[in-house]
C-alpha cells in the first residue's frame, strides 16, 4: 500500500483533491493515525478530514502520486 502525507487547507484544495482521487480506479482513503479513516472519494469525508484532523495521510493500493502531488507534504 502506498501512502503520502497530504495537506488540504482551503475549500478549493479540498475540491481539487476530491476531483483528482475521484478519477482513480482503486479505493483511496484519508487517515489520521490508526483509528480514523474515510473514503477520499467522498466529498463530505474529505471535508471532514481536512477540517477535523491534524495529520492527513492518503492511502491507496496503487501509486497515485502524480494525481495528488500538489497536495503532498515533502
Protein backbone atom coordinates (compact mmCIF):
# COMPACT_ATOMS: atom_id res chain seq x y z
CA UNK A 1 0.00 0.00 0.00
CA UNK A 2 1.23 3.48 -0.91
CA UNK A 3 0.76 6.42 1.40
CA UNK A 4 1.51 10.13 1.33
CA UNK A 5 1.16 12.87 3.90
CA UNK A 6 -1.20 15.47 2.42
CA UNK A 7 -2.33 18.95 3.31
CA UNK A 8 -5.74 20.36 2.43
CA UNK A 9 -6.08 23.92 3.74
CA UNK A 10 -8.69 25.60 1.56
CA UNK A 11 -12.06 24.70 0.10
CA UNK A 12 -10.61 24.80 -3.41
CA UNK A 13 -7.78 22.44 -2.39
CA UNK A 14 -10.31 20.01 -0.92
CA UNK A 15 -12.41 20.18 -4.08
CA UNK A 16 -9.36 19.73 -6.34
CA UNK A 17 -8.10 16.79 -4.27
CA UNK A 18 -11.55 15.16 -4.36
CA UNK A 19 -11.75 15.62 -8.14
CA UNK A 20 -8.28 14.10 -8.58
CA UNK A 21 -8.92 10.98 -6.47
CA UNK A 22 -12.42 10.50 -7.91
CA UNK A 23 -10.78 9.55 -11.20
CA UNK A 24 -8.71 6.77 -9.58
CA UNK A 25 -9.98 3.25 -10.23
CA UNK A 26 -8.96 1.84 -6.82
CA UNK A 27 -10.14 2.82 -3.37
CA UNK A 28 -8.44 5.87 -1.87
CA UNK A 29 -8.54 6.68 1.84
CA UNK A 30 -7.70 9.59 4.09
CA UNK A 31 -6.42 8.55 7.51
CA UNK A 32 -5.39 10.20 10.72
CA UNK A 33 -3.46 7.78 12.86
CA UNK A 34 -4.51 4.15 13.07
CA UNK A 35 -8.16 4.61 14.00
CA UNK A 36 -9.71 7.36 11.87
CA UNK A 37 -10.38 6.65 8.20
CA UNK A 38 -12.70 7.97 5.48
CA UNK A 39 -13.01 7.38 1.77
CA UNK A 40 -11.22 10.13 -0.14
CA UNK A 41 -13.80 9.60 -2.89
CA UNK A 42 -16.41 11.12 -0.59
CA UNK A 43 -16.52 14.91 -0.74
CA UNK A 44 -18.05 15.01 2.73
CA UNK A 45 -15.33 12.66 4.00
CA UNK A 46 -12.61 14.87 2.51
CA UNK A 47 -14.10 17.98 4.09
CA UNK A 48 -14.49 16.33 7.48
CA UNK A 49 -10.93 15.01 7.45
CA UNK A 50 -9.43 18.33 6.32
CA UNK A 51 -11.28 20.33 8.96
CA UNK A 52 -11.11 17.99 11.95
CA UNK A 53 -7.86 16.01 11.63
CA UNK A 54 -4.33 17.30 12.10
CA UNK A 55 -2.27 14.66 10.29
CA UNK A 56 -3.76 13.61 6.97
CA UNK A 57 -2.37 10.59 5.19
CA UNK A 58 -3.68 9.49 1.80
CA UNK A 59 -3.53 5.73 1.14
CA UNK A 60 -4.12 3.70 -1.99
CA UNK A 61 -3.13 0.25 -3.28
CA UNK A 62 -1.75 1.83 -6.45
CA UNK A 63 0.73 4.67 -6.89
CA UNK A 64 -1.36 7.82 -7.45
CA UNK A 65 1.40 10.28 -6.57
CA UNK A 66 1.21 12.14 -9.88
CA UNK A 67 -2.52 12.74 -9.37
CA UNK A 68 -2.13 14.13 -5.83
CA UNK A 69 1.40 15.55 -5.98
CA UNK A 70 0.39 19.17 -5.41
CA UNK A 71 -1.32 18.21 -2.12
CA UNK A 72 1.57 16.21 -0.64
CA UNK A 73 3.91 17.44 2.05
CA UNK A 74 7.57 16.73 1.50
